[in-house]
């Protein structure tokens, strides 16, 4: 079975601007927000979060962890975060609030269950109460053969 041909056009630049959803973020110190799930980036109607480059303009307030694609609140204040896709740029505003004190609630890891084949990986997120604490979590496998 063969599909119908698809037309693909290559252009120097795409006119659509970048848009964020939400436009601003509010985090507590130690809390994280993942690019692509907590903050989505769109070029026109197309979601492009996985293609963007992210740079915090105030890493003393908000740092970016490229391995987990997560913005992490470091110290109270506000910071702009530059997000680029190709030749397009948009700035997100991240407000970081002080730690909220003791967090009520248990530890939850998502996804709770996953099945992987050799060479595959899964991004796990760690929540304490309602707060994303993935950036400060240390995950250790119970199987010494699995790193």
C-alpha atoms as a PDB file:
ATOM      1  CA  UNK A   1       0.000   0.000   0.000  1.00  0.00           C
ATOM      2  CA  UNK A   2       1.331   3.443  -0.934  1.00  0.00           C
ATOM      3  CA  UNK A   3       0.087   6.763   0.405  1.00  0.00           C
ATOM      4  CA  UNK A   4      -0.658   9.817  -1.662  1.00  0.00           C
ATOM      5  CA  UNK A   5       2.323  12.173  -2.079  1.00  0.00           C
ATOM      6  CA  UNK A   6       2.800  14.880   0.541  1.00  0.00           C
ATOM      7  CA  UNK A   7       3.938  18.349  -0.467  1.00  0.00           C
ATOM      8  CA  UNK A   8       6.819  19.702   1.633  1.00  0.00           C
ATOM      9  CA  UNK A   9       7.991  23.274   1.124  1.00  0.00           C
ATOM     10  CA  UNK A  10      11.337  24.550   2.402  1.00  0.00           C
ATOM     11  CA  UNK A  11      11.549  28.290   3.088  1.00  0.00           C
ATOM     12  CA  UNK A  12      14.229  30.574   4.549  1.00  0.00           C
ATOM     13  CA  UNK A  13      12.032  31.680   7.438  1.00  0.00           C
ATOM     14  CA  UNK A  14       8.542  30.962   8.740  1.00  0.00           C
ATOM     15  CA  UNK A  15       6.472  34.090   9.342  1.00  0.00           C
ATOM     16  CA  UNK A  16       4.528  32.777  12.355  1.00  0.00           C
ATOM     17  CA  UNK A  17       5.704  34.166  15.669  1.00  0.00           C
ATOM     18  CA  UNK A  18       6.337  32.059  18.771  1.00  0.00           C
ATOM     19  CA  UNK A  19       3.604  31.920  21.417  1.00  0.00           C
ATOM     20  CA  UNK A  20       3.717  30.564  24.963  1.00  0.00           C
ATOM     21  CA  UNK A  21       1.065  28.785  26.978  1.00  0.00           C
ATOM     22  CA  UNK A  22       0.960  29.988  29.684  1.00  0.00           C
ATOM     23  CA  UNK A  23       2.590  33.379  29.039  1.00  0.00           C
ATOM     24  CA  UNK A  24       3.946  33.596  32.593  1.00  0.00           C
ATOM     25  CA  UNK A  25       4.940  30.991  35.174  1.00  0.00           C
ATOM     26  CA  UNK A  26       4.902  31.108  38.955  1.00  0.00           C
ATOM     27  CA  UNK A  27       7.213  28.694  40.810  1.00  0.00           C
ATOM     28  CA  UNK A  28       8.372  28.278  44.388  1.00  0.00           C
ATOM     29  CA  UNK A  29      12.064  27.932  45.184  1.00  0.00           C
ATOM     30  CA  UNK A  30      13.046  24.348  44.348  1.00  0.00           C
ATOM     31  CA  UNK A  31      10.004  23.772  42.152  1.00  0.00           C
ATOM     32  CA  UNK A  32      10.336  22.930  38.461  1.00  0.00           C
ATOM     33  CA  UNK A  33       8.314  23.515  35.292  1.00  0.00           C
ATOM     34  CA  UNK A  34       8.956  21.309  32.286  1.00  0.00           C
ATOM     35  CA  UNK A  35       9.126  22.757  28.785  1.00  0.00           C
ATOM     36  CA  UNK A  36       6.526  20.947  26.698  1.00  0.00           C
ATOM     37  CA  UNK A  37       4.137  20.062  29.504  1.00  0.00           C
ATOM     38  CA  UNK A  38       4.065  22.935  32.029  1.00  0.00           C
ATOM     39  CA  UNK A  39       5.103  25.534  29.435  1.00  0.00           C
ATOM     40  CA  UNK A  40       4.264  24.896  25.784  1.00  0.00           C
ATOM     41  CA  UNK A  41       5.815  26.741  22.842  1.00  0.00           C
ATOM     42  CA  UNK A  42       3.878  27.192  19.590  1.00  0.00           C
ATOM     43  CA  UNK A  43       4.854  28.563  16.186  1.00  0.00           C
ATOM     44  CA  UNK A  44       1.490  29.433  14.706  1.00  0.00           C
ATOM     45  CA  UNK A  45      -0.673  26.403  15.490  1.00  0.00           C
ATOM     46  CA  UNK A  46       2.246  23.943  15.581  1.00  0.00           C
ATOM     47  CA  UNK A  47       3.597  22.896  18.994  1.00  0.00           C
ATOM     48  CA  UNK A  48       7.425  23.244  18.851  1.00  0.00           C
ATOM     49  CA  UNK A  49       8.438  22.821  22.518  1.00  0.00           C
ATOM     50  CA  UNK A  50      10.782  19.927  21.713  1.00  0.00           C
ATOM     51  CA  UNK A  51      12.692  22.065  19.184  1.00  0.00           C
ATOM     52  CA  UNK A  52      13.357  25.135  21.296  1.00  0.00           C
ATOM     53  CA  UNK A  53      16.517  26.429  22.926  1.00  0.00           C
ATOM     54  CA  UNK A  54      16.064  27.931  26.382  1.00  0.00           C
ATOM     55  CA  UNK A  55      18.267  30.452  28.216  1.00  0.00           C
ATOM     56  CA  UNK A  56      17.524  31.998  31.597  1.00  0.00           C
ATOM     57  CA  UNK A  57      18.512  35.656  31.681  1.00  0.00           C
ATOM     58  CA  UNK A  58      18.801  35.390  35.485  1.00  0.00           C
ATOM     59  CA  UNK A  59      20.170  31.936  36.360  1.00  0.00           C
ATOM     60  CA  UNK A  60      20.543  33.115  39.972  1.00  0.00           C
ATOM     61  CA  UNK A  61      16.722  33.263  40.096  1.00  0.00           C
ATOM     62  CA  UNK A  62      15.646  30.628  37.538  1.00  0.00           C
ATOM     63  CA  UNK A  63      17.959  28.004  36.081  1.00  0.00           C
ATOM     64  CA  UNK A  64      17.337  25.804  33.077  1.00  0.00           C
ATOM     65  CA  UNK A  65      18.215  22.099  33.184  1.00  0.00           C
ATOM     66  CA  UNK A  66      18.614  21.021  29.539  1.00  0.00           C
ATOM     67  CA  UNK A  67      18.758  17.322  30.429  1.00  0.00           C
ATOM     68  CA  UNK A  68      15.230  17.335  31.858  1.00  0.00           C
ATOM     69  CA  UNK A  69      14.104  20.442  29.873  1.00  0.00           C
ATOM     70  CA  UNK A  70      12.993  21.962  33.178  1.00  0.00           C
ATOM     71  CA  UNK A  71      13.005  25.529  34.532  1.00  0.00           C
ATOM     72  CA  UNK A  72      13.820  25.473  38.255  1.00  0.00           C
ATOM     73  CA  UNK A  73      13.164  28.204  40.818  1.00  0.00           C
ATOM     74  CA  UNK A  74      16.469  29.058  42.546  1.00  0.00           C
ATOM     75  CA  UNK A  75      15.761  32.223  44.548  1.00  0.00           C
ATOM     76  CA  UNK A  76      12.793  34.590  44.995  1.00  0.00           C
ATOM     77  CA  UNK A  77      12.352  37.211  42.295  1.00  0.00           C
ATOM     78  CA  UNK A  78      11.422  37.430  38.636  1.00  0.00           C
ATOM     79  CA  UNK A  79      13.384  36.404  35.575  1.00  0.00           C
ATOM     80  CA  UNK A  80      12.942  36.460  31.847  1.00  0.00           C
ATOM     81  CA  UNK A  81      13.704  33.265  29.990  1.00  0.00           C
ATOM     82  CA  UNK A  82      14.635  33.514  26.311  1.00  0.00           C
ATOM     83  CA  UNK A  83      13.130  30.784  24.132  1.00  0.00           C
ATOM     84  CA  UNK A  84      14.218  30.428  20.515  1.00  0.00           C
ATOM     85  CA  UNK A  85      13.227  28.195  17.623  1.00  0.00           C
ATOM     86  CA  UNK A  86      15.257  28.893  14.506  1.00  0.00           C
ATOM     87  CA  UNK A  87      15.247  32.648  13.956  1.00  0.00           C
ATOM     88  CA  UNK A  88      12.243  33.275  16.255  1.00  0.00           C
ATOM     89  CA  UNK A  89      12.487  34.499  19.862  1.00  0.00           C
ATOM     90  CA  UNK A  90       9.963  34.854  22.672  1.00  0.00           C
ATOM     91  CA  UNK A  91      10.575  35.683  26.333  1.00  0.00           C
ATOM     92  CA  UNK A  92       8.747  33.974  29.176  1.00  0.00           C
ATOM     93  CA  UNK A  93       8.416  35.678  32.549  1.00  0.00           C
ATOM     94  CA  UNK A  94       8.987  33.406  35.540  1.00  0.00           C
ATOM     95  CA  UNK A  95       8.124  34.601  39.040  1.00  0.00           C
ATOM     96  CA  UNK A  96       9.833  32.663  41.828  1.00  0.00           C
ATOM     97  CA  UNK A  97       8.212  32.724  45.249  1.00  0.00           C
ATOM     98  CA  UNK A  98       9.896  31.745  48.525  1.00  0.00           C
ATOM     99  CA  UNK A  99       9.585  28.151  49.644  1.00  0.00           C
ATOM    100  CA  UNK A 100       6.111  27.600  50.957  1.00  0.00           C
ATOM    101  CA  UNK A 101       7.217  25.885  54.161  1.00  0.00           C
ATOM    102  CA  UNK A 102       6.507  22.252  54.927  1.00  0.00           C
ATOM    103  CA  UNK A 103       4.777  20.509  52.061  1.00  0.00           C
ATOM    104  CA  UNK A 104       1.797  18.406  53.001  1.00  0.00           C
ATOM    105  CA  UNK A 105       1.283  15.264  50.953  1.00  0.00           C
ATOM    106  CA  UNK A 106       3.163  12.235  49.816  1.00  0.00           C
ATOM    107  CA  UNK A 107       5.774  11.642  47.160  1.00  0.00           C
ATOM    108  CA  UNK A 108       4.395  10.720  43.736  1.00  0.00           C
ATOM    109  CA  UNK A 109       6.449   9.673  40.705  1.00  0.00           C
ATOM    110  CA  UNK A 110       4.945   9.883  37.227  1.00  0.00           C
ATOM    111  CA  UNK A 111       4.499   7.792  35.299  1.00  0.00           C
ATOM    112  CA  UNK A 112       3.847   5.305  38.095  1.00  0.00           C
ATOM    113  CA  UNK A 113       4.637   2.380  35.784  1.00  0.00           C
ATOM    114  CA  UNK A 114       6.418   2.124  32.475  1.00  0.00           C
ATOM    115  CA  UNK A 115       7.833  -0.604  30.248  1.00  0.00           C
ATOM    116  CA  UNK A 116      11.037   0.041  28.322  1.00  0.00           C
ATOM    117  CA  UNK A 117      13.002  -1.910  25.746  1.00  0.00           C
ATOM    118  CA  UNK A 118      16.828  -1.767  25.733  1.00  0.00           C
ATOM    119  CA  UNK A 119      17.993   1.677  24.622  1.00  0.00           C
ATOM    120  CA  UNK A 120      14.707   3.425  25.466  1.00  0.00           C
ATOM    121  CA  UNK A 121      14.271   5.986  28.220  1.00  0.00           C
ATOM    122  CA  UNK A 122      11.445   7.685  30.062  1.00  0.00           C
ATOM    123  CA  UNK A 123      11.396  11.068  31.772  1.00  0.00           C
ATOM    124  CA  UNK A 124      10.182  10.589  35.342  1.00  0.00           C
ATOM    125  CA  UNK A 125       8.769  13.484  37.343  1.00  0.00           C
ATOM    126  CA  UNK A 126       8.709  13.640  41.129  1.00  0.00           C
ATOM    127  CA  UNK A 127       5.979  15.502  43.000  1.00  0.00           C
ATOM    128  CA  UNK A 128       5.883  16.189  46.723  1.00  0.00           C
ATOM    129  CA  UNK A 129       2.335  17.220  47.475  1.00  0.00           C
ATOM    130  CA  UNK A 130       1.358  19.387  44.513  1.00  0.00           C
ATOM    131  CA  UNK A 131       4.900  20.655  43.844  1.00  0.00           C
ATOM    132  CA  UNK A 132       7.195  19.372  41.108  1.00  0.00           C
ATOM    133  CA  UNK A 133      10.462  18.517  42.878  1.00  0.00           C
ATOM    134  CA  UNK A 134      12.025  16.550  40.000  1.00  0.00           C
ATOM    135  CA  UNK A 135      15.053  18.855  39.869  1.00  0.00           C
ATOM    136  CA  UNK A 136      16.019  18.070  43.475  1.00  0.00           C
ATOM    137  CA  UNK A 137      15.119  14.368  43.426  1.00  0.00           C
ATOM    138  CA  UNK A 138      17.720  11.608  43.316  1.00  0.00           C
ATOM    139  CA  UNK A 139      16.407   8.551  41.494  1.00  0.00           C
ATOM    140  CA  UNK A 140      18.132   5.223  42.070  1.00  0.00           C
ATOM    141  CA  UNK A 141      17.299   1.923  40.409  1.00  0.00           C
ATOM    142  CA  UNK A 142      16.548  -1.050  42.674  1.00  0.00           C
ATOM    143  CA  UNK A 143      18.199  -3.322  40.092  1.00  0.00           C
ATOM    144  CA  UNK A 144      22.007  -2.974  40.175  1.00  0.00           C
ATOM    145  CA  UNK A 145      22.170  -3.983  36.470  1.00  0.00           C
ATOM    146  CA  UNK A 146      20.019  -0.993  35.507  1.00  0.00           C
ATOM    147  CA  UNK A 147      21.792   2.364  35.783  1.00  0.00           C
END
